[in-house]
Amino acid sequence: MTTENNLAVVDWESHKPPTDLIFDDGEPLESNRHRIAMNVLIRSLQQSWADRNDYFTGGNMFIYYSSTQVRNRDFRGPDFFAVLNVDGNNSRQGWVVWEENGRYPDVIVELMSPSTAAIDKGIKKDLYEQTFHTSDYFVYDPFDSNSLQGWHLDDNQQYQSLTPNERSWLWCRRLGFWLGTWEGTIDRETAIWLRFYDVAGNLVLLPEEAAAAQAEAAAARAEAAVAQAEAAAAQAEAAAARAERLAARLRELGENPDVL
C-alpha cells in the first residue's frame, strides 16, 4: 500500500467516520447529451456483464475517500466509474471508500465540456493518479468526437498516455474493452457517442440493442425454418410427381405399379 493510502487509512481510523454524508448536490449534468453518454457506458457494461456480480459501476455519484475531504465538502463525482472484485449486490448511494475496504475505482471516465476540460485533465487527473491510483482514466467531450484521451497507471504509479489503434480507439486494460466512438441515435439524440468494443472489435450493446439483435436473430431463424419447410415440401412434391410419372409409364408398359 502506498504512503498516500496509508495516510488515508489513518485518517479514517483515527476519527469516527463521518456520517453526515450527502449524495446529491442538486447540480445537473452539463447537458442531456452528457446524461445519455454517461448512461450508455453504465448500461452497456451492465448488459455485457449481466452474468457477473463481482463489480460495481455508477456515474455522477460522489466518491468519499477521507474525513478531510468531507469536512471541506470537496465533492468528487466521476461521470462513469467501475470498481472490480466487489459485491455487486450492495445498494449504494455513493462510493464511500472506508466502507468498501479501502477500494477506489479501477476505471474512471469524465465527460468533458469546455468549462470542465482543464479540471478533468488537471486537478482530477492528478487526484485519480496520486490518491485514487485508478488504473485507467479517460476523458471525452460528447460534443467533440476528436477529444478522446486516456491514461494507464504504470508500475511507478504514474499515468502514461494511451496510444490509439488504427480506429482511434483506446484500450482499457482493467475492463478488457476498447473505448471508441460510434455514430448513431440513442434516446432520440443523434451524436458521436463514446462506446465500448470487445477484443474482436464488436460493439458492446445496450440492453435494448441486445434485445433487438436477439429478436432479429429469432426472426431470421424463423424465416430460415419456414424456408427449410417450404424447400422440404417442394422436394416431397417433386418426388411424388416423379413417382406418379413412373407409375404412369409402368401402366403404359402393362405393369401394375401397385404390386411391384
C-alpha atoms as a PDB file:
ATOM      1  CA  MET A   1       0.000   0.000   0.000  1.00  0.00           C
ATOM      2  CA  THR A   2       1.348   3.436  -0.837  1.00  0.00           C
ATOM      3  CA  THR A   3       2.143   6.148   1.710  1.00  0.00           C
ATOM      4  CA  GLU A   4      -0.824   8.172   0.493  1.00  0.00           C
ATOM      5  CA  ASN A   5      -3.154   5.246   1.026  1.00  0.00           C
ATOM      6  CA  ASN A   6      -1.659   4.635   4.490  1.00  0.00           C
ATOM      7  CA  LEU A   7      -2.309   8.259   5.404  1.00  0.00           C
ATOM      8  CA  ALA A   8      -5.865   7.933   4.151  1.00  0.00           C
ATOM      9  CA  VAL A   9      -6.457   4.798   6.252  1.00  0.00           C
ATOM     10  CA  VAL A  10      -5.028   6.506   9.345  1.00  0.00           C
ATOM     11  CA  ASP A  11      -7.334   9.455   8.715  1.00  0.00           C
ATOM     12  CA  TRP A  12     -10.347   7.134   8.633  1.00  0.00           C
ATOM     13  CA  GLU A  13      -9.361   5.065  11.650  1.00  0.00           C
ATOM     14  CA  SER A  14      -8.149   7.824  13.960  1.00  0.00           C
ATOM     15  CA  HIS A  15     -11.507   9.588  13.815  1.00  0.00           C
ATOM     16  CA  LYS A  16     -15.033   8.340  13.860  1.00  0.00           C
ATOM     17  CA  PRO A  17     -16.030   8.007  10.187  1.00  0.00           C
ATOM     18  CA  PRO A  18     -18.299  10.850   9.094  1.00  0.00           C
ATOM     19  CA  THR A  19     -21.972  10.001   8.996  1.00  0.00           C
ATOM     20  CA  ASP A  20     -23.359  13.266   7.626  1.00  0.00           C
ATOM     21  CA  LEU A  21     -22.550  12.493   4.022  1.00  0.00           C
ATOM     22  CA  ILE A  22     -24.642  13.962   1.229  1.00  0.00           C
ATOM     23  CA  PHE A  23     -25.093  12.173  -2.050  1.00  0.00           C
ATOM     24  CA  ASP A  24     -26.791  14.812  -4.186  1.00  0.00           C
ATOM     25  CA  ASP A  25     -25.689  18.421  -4.562  1.00  0.00           C
ATOM     26  CA  GLY A  26     -28.587  19.243  -6.842  1.00  0.00           C
ATOM     27  CA  GLU A  27     -26.287  20.078  -9.735  1.00  0.00           C
ATOM     28  CA  PRO A  28     -27.413  18.617 -13.092  1.00  0.00           C
ATOM     29  CA  LEU A  29     -25.081  17.190 -15.712  1.00  0.00           C
ATOM     30  CA  GLU A  30     -23.722  19.574 -18.321  1.00  0.00           C
ATOM     31  CA  SER A  31     -26.354  18.650 -20.910  1.00  0.00           C
ATOM     32  CA  ASN A  32     -28.833  15.986 -21.922  1.00  0.00           C
ATOM     33  CA  ARG A  33     -26.151  14.550 -24.181  1.00  0.00           C
ATOM     34  CA  HIS A  34     -23.804  14.205 -21.214  1.00  0.00           C
ATOM     35  CA  ARG A  35     -26.529  12.351 -19.304  1.00  0.00           C
ATOM     36  CA  ILE A  36     -27.139   9.971 -22.196  1.00  0.00           C
ATOM     37  CA  ALA A  37     -23.400   9.448 -22.705  1.00  0.00           C
ATOM     38  CA  MET A  38     -22.987   8.516 -19.038  1.00  0.00           C
ATOM     39  CA  ASN A  39     -25.881   6.053 -19.126  1.00  0.00           C
ATOM     40  CA  VAL A  40     -24.602   4.486 -22.349  1.00  0.00           C
ATOM     41  CA  LEU A  41     -21.355   3.490 -20.637  1.00  0.00           C
ATOM     42  CA  ILE A  42     -23.056   2.245 -17.466  1.00  0.00           C
ATOM     43  CA  ARG A  43     -25.850   0.312 -19.148  1.00  0.00           C
ATOM     44  CA  SER A  44     -23.705  -1.287 -21.841  1.00  0.00           C
ATOM     45  CA  LEU A  45     -21.212  -2.542 -19.253  1.00  0.00           C
ATOM     46  CA  GLN A  46     -24.077  -3.952 -17.185  1.00  0.00           C
ATOM     47  CA  GLN A  47     -25.503  -5.633 -20.280  1.00  0.00           C
ATOM     48  CA  SER A  48     -22.165  -7.162 -21.227  1.00  0.00           C
ATOM     49  CA  TRP A  49     -21.565  -8.406 -17.693  1.00  0.00           C
ATOM     50  CA  ALA A  50     -25.156  -9.426 -16.949  1.00  0.00           C
ATOM     51  CA  ASP A  51     -23.933 -12.810 -15.690  1.00  0.00           C
ATOM     52  CA  ARG A  52     -21.408 -11.254 -13.291  1.00  0.00           C
ATOM     53  CA  ASN A  53     -21.930  -9.941  -9.781  1.00  0.00           C
ATOM     54  CA  ASP A  54     -18.375  -9.057  -8.827  1.00  0.00           C
ATOM     55  CA  TYR A  55     -18.276  -5.404  -9.815  1.00  0.00           C
ATOM     56  CA  PHE A  56     -19.984  -2.067  -9.326  1.00  0.00           C
ATOM     57  CA  THR A  57     -20.476   0.645 -11.918  1.00  0.00           C
ATOM     58  CA  GLY A  58     -22.021   4.044 -11.467  1.00  0.00           C
ATOM     59  CA  GLY A  59     -21.944   7.617 -12.629  1.00  0.00           C
ATOM     60  CA  ASN A  60     -22.377  11.135 -11.317  1.00  0.00           C
ATOM     61  CA  MET A  61     -22.115   9.668  -7.802  1.00  0.00           C
ATOM     62  CA  PHE A  62     -19.954  11.143  -5.083  1.00  0.00           C
ATOM     63  CA  ILE A  63     -16.808   9.301  -4.075  1.00  0.00           C
ATOM     64  CA  TYR A  64     -15.827   9.867  -0.459  1.00  0.00           C
ATOM     65  CA  TYR A  65     -12.239   8.998   0.388  1.00  0.00           C
ATOM     66  CA  SER A  66     -11.174  10.949   3.508  1.00  0.00           C
ATOM     67  CA  SER A  67     -12.545  12.806   6.522  1.00  0.00           C
ATOM     68  CA  THR A  68     -10.685  15.913   5.380  1.00  0.00           C
ATOM     69  CA  GLN A  69     -12.457  15.806   2.050  1.00  0.00           C
ATOM     70  CA  VAL A  70     -15.817  15.553   3.834  1.00  0.00           C
ATOM     71  CA  ARG A  71     -15.001  18.491   6.119  1.00  0.00           C
ATOM     72  CA  ASN A  72     -14.001  20.578   3.109  1.00  0.00           C
ATOM     73  CA  ARG A  73     -17.135  19.493   1.231  1.00  0.00           C
ATOM     74  CA  ASP A  74     -14.838  18.661  -1.667  1.00  0.00           C
ATOM     75  CA  PHE A  75     -17.265  16.550  -3.653  1.00  0.00           C
ATOM     76  CA  ARG A  76     -15.946  14.277  -6.396  1.00  0.00           C
ATOM     77  CA  GLY A  77     -18.433  12.609  -8.693  1.00  0.00           C
ATOM     78  CA  PRO A  78     -16.938  10.953 -11.790  1.00  0.00           C
ATOM     79  CA  ASP A  79     -19.302  10.724 -14.728  1.00  0.00           C
ATOM     80  CA  PHE A  80     -18.559   6.997 -15.049  1.00  0.00           C
ATOM     81  CA  PHE A  81     -16.593   4.656 -12.852  1.00  0.00           C
ATOM     82  CA  ALA A  82     -16.219   0.933 -12.302  1.00  0.00           C
ATOM     83  CA  VAL A  83     -14.827  -0.998  -9.364  1.00  0.00           C
ATOM     84  CA  LEU A  84     -13.907  -4.646  -9.860  1.00  0.00           C
ATOM     85  CA  ASN A  85     -13.885  -7.548  -7.402  1.00  0.00           C
ATOM     86  CA  VAL A  86     -16.528  -6.122  -5.070  1.00  0.00           C
ATOM     87  CA  ASP A  87     -20.007  -7.301  -4.095  1.00  0.00           C
ATOM     88  CA  GLY A  88     -22.372  -6.096  -6.783  1.00  0.00           C
ATOM     89  CA  ASN A  89     -25.422  -6.826  -4.627  1.00  0.00           C
ATOM     90  CA  ASN A  90     -24.814  -3.927  -2.242  1.00  0.00           C
ATOM     91  CA  SER A  91     -27.057  -0.917  -2.716  1.00  0.00           C
ATOM     92  CA  ARG A  92     -25.019   2.292  -2.753  1.00  0.00           C
ATOM     93  CA  GLN A  93     -25.990   5.965  -2.876  1.00  0.00           C
ATOM     94  CA  GLY A  94     -22.366   6.832  -3.496  1.00  0.00           C
ATOM     95  CA  TRP A  95     -18.950   5.251  -3.186  1.00  0.00           C
ATOM     96  CA  VAL A  96     -17.593   5.566   0.357  1.00  0.00           C
ATOM     97  CA  VAL A  97     -14.042   4.231   0.305  1.00  0.00           C
ATOM     98  CA  TRP A  98     -13.800   3.468   4.039  1.00  0.00           C
ATOM     99  CA  GLU A  99     -16.979   1.377   3.786  1.00  0.00           C
ATOM    100  CA  GLU A 100     -15.559  -0.530   0.803  1.00  0.00           C
ATOM    101  CA  ASN A 101     -12.371  -1.867   2.425  1.00  0.00           C
ATOM    102  CA  GLY A 102     -10.361   0.999   1.008  1.00  0.00           C
ATOM    103  CA  ARG A 103     -11.276   0.250  -2.593  1.00  0.00           C
ATOM    104  CA  TYR A 104     -11.090   3.035  -5.169  1.00  0.00           C
ATOM    105  CA  PRO A 105     -12.426   2.982  -8.729  1.00  0.00           C
ATOM    106  CA  ASP A 106     -10.414   0.876 -11.175  1.00  0.00           C
ATOM    107  CA  VAL A 107     -11.665   2.821 -14.190  1.00  0.00           C
ATOM    108  CA  ILE A 108     -12.959   6.381 -14.492  1.00  0.00           C
ATOM    109  CA  VAL A 109     -14.349   8.291 -17.468  1.00  0.00           C
ATOM    110  CA  GLU A 110     -15.013  12.026 -17.279  1.00  0.00           C
ATOM    111  CA  LEU A 111     -17.328  13.535 -19.883  1.00  0.00           C
ATOM    112  CA  MET A 112     -15.795  16.931 -20.514  1.00  0.00           C
ATOM    113  CA  SER A 113     -17.174  20.257 -21.612  1.00  0.00           C
ATOM    114  CA  PRO A 114     -15.257  23.428 -22.465  1.00  0.00           C
ATOM    115  CA  SER A 115     -15.799  24.629 -18.888  1.00  0.00           C
ATOM    116  CA  THR A 116     -14.525  21.425 -17.237  1.00  0.00           C
ATOM    117  CA  ALA A 117     -11.786  20.224 -19.611  1.00  0.00           C
ATOM    118  CA  ALA A 118      -8.933  21.921 -17.725  1.00  0.00           C
ATOM    119  CA  ILE A 119     -10.085  20.445 -14.414  1.00  0.00           C
ATOM    120  CA  ASP A 120     -10.724  16.981 -15.870  1.00  0.00           C
ATOM    121  CA  LYS A 121      -7.232  16.881 -17.387  1.00  0.00           C
ATOM    122  CA  GLY A 122      -5.597  18.680 -14.487  1.00  0.00           C
ATOM    123  CA  ILE A 123      -6.783  18.537 -10.888  1.00  0.00           C
ATOM    124  CA  LYS A 124      -8.956  15.444 -11.354  1.00  0.00           C
ATOM    125  CA  LYS A 125      -6.313  13.587 -13.330  1.00  0.00           C
ATOM    126  CA  ASP A 126      -3.796  14.257 -10.553  1.00  0.00           C
ATOM    127  CA  LEU A 127      -6.286  13.086  -7.907  1.00  0.00           C
ATOM    128  CA  TYR A 128      -7.090   9.866  -9.765  1.00  0.00           C
ATOM    129  CA  GLU A 129      -3.396   9.193 -10.335  1.00  0.00           C
ATOM    130  CA  GLN A 130      -1.888  10.174  -6.979  1.00  0.00           C
ATOM    131  CA  THR A 131      -4.663   9.423  -4.468  1.00  0.00           C
ATOM    132  CA  PHE A 132      -7.117   7.043  -6.110  1.00  0.00           C
ATOM    133  CA  HIS A 133      -4.438   5.156  -8.094  1.00  0.00           C
ATOM    134  CA  THR A 134      -7.142   4.430 -10.662  1.00  0.00           C
ATOM    135  CA  SER A 135      -5.666   2.099 -13.291  1.00  0.00           C
ATOM    136  CA  ASP A 136      -7.392   3.564 -16.360  1.00  0.00           C
ATOM    137  CA  TYR A 137      -8.615   7.120 -16.802  1.00  0.00           C
ATOM    138  CA  PHE A 138     -10.336   8.546 -19.878  1.00  0.00           C
ATOM    139  CA  VAL A 139     -11.813  11.891 -20.890  1.00  0.00           C
ATOM    140  CA  TYR A 140     -14.237  12.638 -23.722  1.00  0.00           C
ATOM    141  CA  ASP A 141     -16.363  15.579 -24.763  1.00  0.00           C
ATOM    142  CA  PRO A 142     -19.669  14.295 -26.248  1.00  0.00           C
ATOM    143  CA  PHE A 143     -19.745  17.382 -28.473  1.00  0.00           C
ATOM    144  CA  ASP A 144     -16.200  16.841 -29.816  1.00  0.00           C
ATOM    145  CA  SER A 145     -15.565  13.484 -31.495  1.00  0.00           C
ATOM    146  CA  ASN A 146     -11.794  14.066 -31.546  1.00  0.00           C
ATOM    147  CA  SER A 147     -11.454  14.692 -27.816  1.00  0.00           C
ATOM    148  CA  LEU A 148     -10.907  11.141 -26.522  1.00  0.00           C
ATOM    149  CA  GLN A 149      -7.780  10.774 -24.379  1.00  0.00           C
ATOM    150  CA  GLY A 150      -6.717   8.116 -21.905  1.00  0.00           C
ATOM    151  CA  TRP A 151      -4.025   7.171 -19.429  1.00  0.00           C
ATOM    152  CA  HIS A 152      -2.921   3.949 -17.764  1.00  0.00           C
ATOM    153  CA  LEU A 153      -1.125   3.733 -14.427  1.00  0.00           C
ATOM    154  CA  ASP A 154       2.377   2.321 -14.861  1.00  0.00           C
ATOM    155  CA  ASP A 155       4.467   0.336 -12.376  1.00  0.00           C
ATOM    156  CA  ASN A 156       5.679   3.580 -10.837  1.00  0.00           C
ATOM    157  CA  GLN A 157       2.093   4.675 -10.134  1.00  0.00           C
ATOM    158  CA  GLN A 158       2.264   7.361 -12.788  1.00  0.00           C
ATOM    159  CA  TYR A 159      -0.116   7.905 -15.671  1.00  0.00           C
ATOM    160  CA  GLN A 160       1.168   7.175 -19.159  1.00  0.00           C
ATOM    161  CA  SER A 161      -0.793   8.319 -22.206  1.00  0.00           C
ATOM    162  CA  LEU A 162      -2.514   5.562 -24.143  1.00  0.00           C
ATOM    163  CA  THR A 163      -1.767   5.212 -27.840  1.00  0.00           C
ATOM    164  CA  PRO A 164      -4.845   4.861 -30.042  1.00  0.00           C
ATOM    165  CA  ASN A 165      -5.170   1.984 -32.506  1.00  0.00           C
ATOM    166  CA  GLU A 166      -5.847   2.390 -36.220  1.00  0.00           C
ATOM    167  CA  ARG A 167      -9.507   3.165 -35.416  1.00  0.00           C
ATOM    168  CA  SER A 168      -8.522   5.811 -32.851  1.00  0.00           C
ATOM    169  CA  TRP A 169      -9.774   3.551 -30.036  1.00  0.00           C
ATOM    170  CA  LEU A 170      -8.054   3.303 -26.651  1.00  0.00           C
ATOM    171  CA  TRP A 171      -7.577   0.035 -24.767  1.00  0.00           C
ATOM    172  CA  CYS A 172      -8.948  -0.213 -21.219  1.00  0.00           C
ATOM    173  CA  ARG A 173      -6.945  -2.967 -19.582  1.00  0.00           C
ATOM    174  CA  ARG A 174      -8.966  -3.285 -16.405  1.00  0.00           C
ATOM    175  CA  LEU A 175     -12.271  -3.784 -18.230  1.00  0.00           C
ATOM    176  CA  GLY A 176     -10.827  -5.672 -21.193  1.00  0.00           C
ATOM    177  CA  PHE A 177     -12.630  -3.408 -23.662  1.00  0.00           C
ATOM    178  CA  TRP A 178     -11.744  -0.791 -26.214  1.00  0.00           C
ATOM    179  CA  LEU A 179     -13.151   2.703 -25.823  1.00  0.00           C
ATOM    180  CA  GLY A 180     -14.021   4.302 -29.129  1.00  0.00           C
ATOM    181  CA  THR A 181     -16.595   6.418 -30.879  1.00  0.00           C
ATOM    182  CA  TRP A 182     -19.824   5.308 -32.543  1.00  0.00           C
ATOM    183  CA  GLU A 183     -22.261   7.450 -34.507  1.00  0.00           C
ATOM    184  CA  GLY A 184     -25.956   6.810 -34.085  1.00  0.00           C
ATOM    185  CA  THR A 185     -29.188   7.766 -32.364  1.00  0.00           C
ATOM    186  CA  ILE A 186     -29.754   6.969 -28.695  1.00  0.00           C
ATOM    187  CA  ASP A 187     -32.726   8.262 -26.703  1.00  0.00           C
ATOM    188  CA  ARG A 188     -33.755  10.311 -29.743  1.00  0.00           C
ATOM    189  CA  GLU A 189     -30.445  12.159 -29.898  1.00  0.00           C
ATOM    190  CA  THR A 190     -28.055  11.601 -32.799  1.00  0.00           C
ATOM    191  CA  ALA A 191     -24.401  12.112 -31.928  1.00  0.00           C
ATOM    192  CA  ILE A 192     -20.986  10.511 -31.915  1.00  0.00           C
ATOM    193  CA  TRP A 193     -21.040   8.591 -28.659  1.00  0.00           C
ATOM    194  CA  LEU A 194     -18.269   7.046 -26.590  1.00  0.00           C
ATOM    195  CA  ARG A 195     -18.836   3.281 -26.613  1.00  0.00           C
ATOM    196  CA  PHE A 196     -17.172   0.065 -25.507  1.00  0.00           C
ATOM    197  CA  TYR A 197     -15.947  -2.504 -28.040  1.00  0.00           C
ATOM    198  CA  ASP A 198     -14.836  -6.055 -27.249  1.00  0.00           C
ATOM    199  CA  VAL A 199     -11.470  -7.581 -28.120  1.00  0.00           C
ATOM    200  CA  ALA A 200     -12.756  -8.641 -31.537  1.00  0.00           C
ATOM    201  CA  GLY A 201     -13.929  -5.109 -32.294  1.00  0.00           C
ATOM    202  CA  ASN A 202     -17.643  -5.765 -31.804  1.00  0.00           C
ATOM    203  CA  LEU A 203     -19.770  -3.019 -30.304  1.00  0.00           C
ATOM    204  CA  VAL A 204     -20.798  -3.712 -26.703  1.00  0.00           C
ATOM    205  CA  LEU A 205     -24.560  -3.418 -26.933  1.00  0.00           C
ATOM    206  CA  LEU A 206     -27.051  -1.596 -24.790  1.00  0.00           C
ATOM    207  CA  PRO A 207     -29.887  -3.741 -23.368  1.00  0.00           C
ATOM    208  CA  GLU A 208     -32.355  -2.517 -25.986  1.00  0.00           C
ATOM    209  CA  GLU A 209     -29.815  -3.116 -28.761  1.00  0.00           C
ATOM    210  CA  ALA A 210     -29.151  -6.622 -27.470  1.00  0.00           C
ATOM    211  CA  ALA A 211     -32.913  -7.302 -27.309  1.00  0.00           C
ATOM    212  CA  ALA A 212     -33.361  -6.020 -30.858  1.00  0.00           C
ATOM    213  CA  ALA A 213     -30.455  -8.149 -32.067  1.00  0.00           C
ATOM    214  CA  GLN A 214     -31.935 -11.212 -30.362  1.00  0.00           C
ATOM    215  CA  ALA A 215     -35.342 -10.514 -31.889  1.00  0.00           C
ATOM    216  CA  GLU A 216     -33.773 -10.072 -35.310  1.00  0.00           C
ATOM    217  CA  ALA A 217     -31.830 -13.312 -34.907  1.00  0.00           C
ATOM    218  CA  ALA A 218     -35.011 -15.122 -33.790  1.00  0.00           C
ATOM    219  CA  ALA A 219     -36.890 -13.726 -36.791  1.00  0.00           C
ATOM    220  CA  ALA A 220     -34.074 -14.810 -39.084  1.00  0.00           C
ATOM    221  CA  ARG A 221     -34.141 -18.319 -37.582  1.00  0.00           C
ATOM    222  CA  ALA A 222     -37.919 -18.486 -38.002  1.00  0.00           C
ATOM    223  CA  GLU A 223     -37.606 -17.308 -41.594  1.00  0.00           C
ATOM    224  CA  ALA A 224     -34.916 -19.909 -42.235  1.00  0.00           C
ATOM    225  CA  ALA A 225     -37.133 -22.601 -40.690  1.00  0.00           C
ATOM    226  CA  VAL A 226     -40.043 -21.579 -42.934  1.00  0.00           C
ATOM    227  CA  ALA A 227     -37.738 -21.633 -45.961  1.00  0.00           C
ATOM    228  CA  GLN A 228     -36.461 -25.086 -44.996  1.00  0.00           C
ATOM    229  CA  ALA A 229     -40.023 -26.346 -44.535  1.00  0.00           C
ATOM    230  CA  GLU A 230     -41.035 -24.913 -47.902  1.00  0.00           C
ATOM    231  CA  ALA A 231     -37.995 -26.489 -49.539  1.00  0.00           C
ATOM    232  CA  ALA A 232     -38.785 -29.841 -47.934  1.00  0.00           C
ATOM    233  CA  ALA A 233     -42.410 -29.598 -49.094  1.00  0.00           C
ATOM    234  CA  ALA A 234     -41.255 -28.749 -52.625  1.00  0.00           C
ATOM    235  CA  GLN A 235     -38.875 -31.712 -52.599  1.00  0.00           C
ATOM    236  CA  ALA A 236     -41.661 -34.009 -51.390  1.00  0.00           C
ATOM    237  CA  GLU A 237     -43.998 -32.690 -54.076  1.00  0.00           C
ATOM    238  CA  ALA A 238     -41.344 -33.199 -56.747  1.00  0.00           C
ATOM    239  CA  ALA A 239     -40.706 -36.748 -55.502  1.00  0.00           C
ATOM    240  CA  ALA A 240     -44.433 -37.506 -55.597  1.00  0.00           C
ATOM    241  CA  ALA A 241     -44.652 -36.146 -59.149  1.00  0.00           C
ATOM    242  CA  ARG A 242     -41.713 -38.317 -60.232  1.00  0.00           C
ATOM    243  CA  ALA A 243     -43.330 -41.363 -58.635  1.00  0.00           C
ATOM    244  CA  GLU A 244     -46.613 -40.657 -60.398  1.00  0.00           C
ATOM    245  CA  ARG A 245     -44.858 -40.291 -63.744  1.00  0.00           C
ATOM    246  CA  LEU A 246     -43.041 -43.588 -63.171  1.00  0.00           C
ATOM    247  CA  ALA A 247     -46.303 -45.317 -62.234  1.00  0.00           C
ATOM    248  CA  ALA A 248     -47.978 -43.967 -65.381  1.00  0.00           C
ATOM    249  CA  ARG A 249     -45.110 -45.239 -67.533  1.00  0.00           C
ATOM    250  CA  LEU A 250     -45.331 -48.703 -65.946  1.00  0.00           C
ATOM    251  CA  ARG A 251     -49.047 -48.833 -66.670  1.00  0.00           C
ATOM    252  CA  GLU A 252     -48.325 -47.965 -70.287  1.00  0.00           C
ATOM    253  CA  LEU A 253     -45.986 -50.987 -70.361  1.00  0.00           C
ATOM    254  CA  GLY A 254     -48.703 -53.211 -68.952  1.00  0.00           C
ATOM    255  CA  GLU A 255     -47.299 -53.366 -65.462  1.00  0.00           C
ATOM    256  CA  ASN A 256     -49.248 -52.655 -62.256  1.00  0.00           C
ATOM    257  CA  PRO A 257     -47.065 -50.365 -60.160  1.00  0.00           C
ATOM    258  CA  ASP A 258     -49.093 -51.163 -57.053  1.00  0.00           C
ATOM    259  CA  VAL A 259     -47.895 -54.777 -56.946  1.00  0.00           C
ATOM    260  CA  LEU A 260     -44.257 -54.210 -57.763  1.00  0.00           C
END
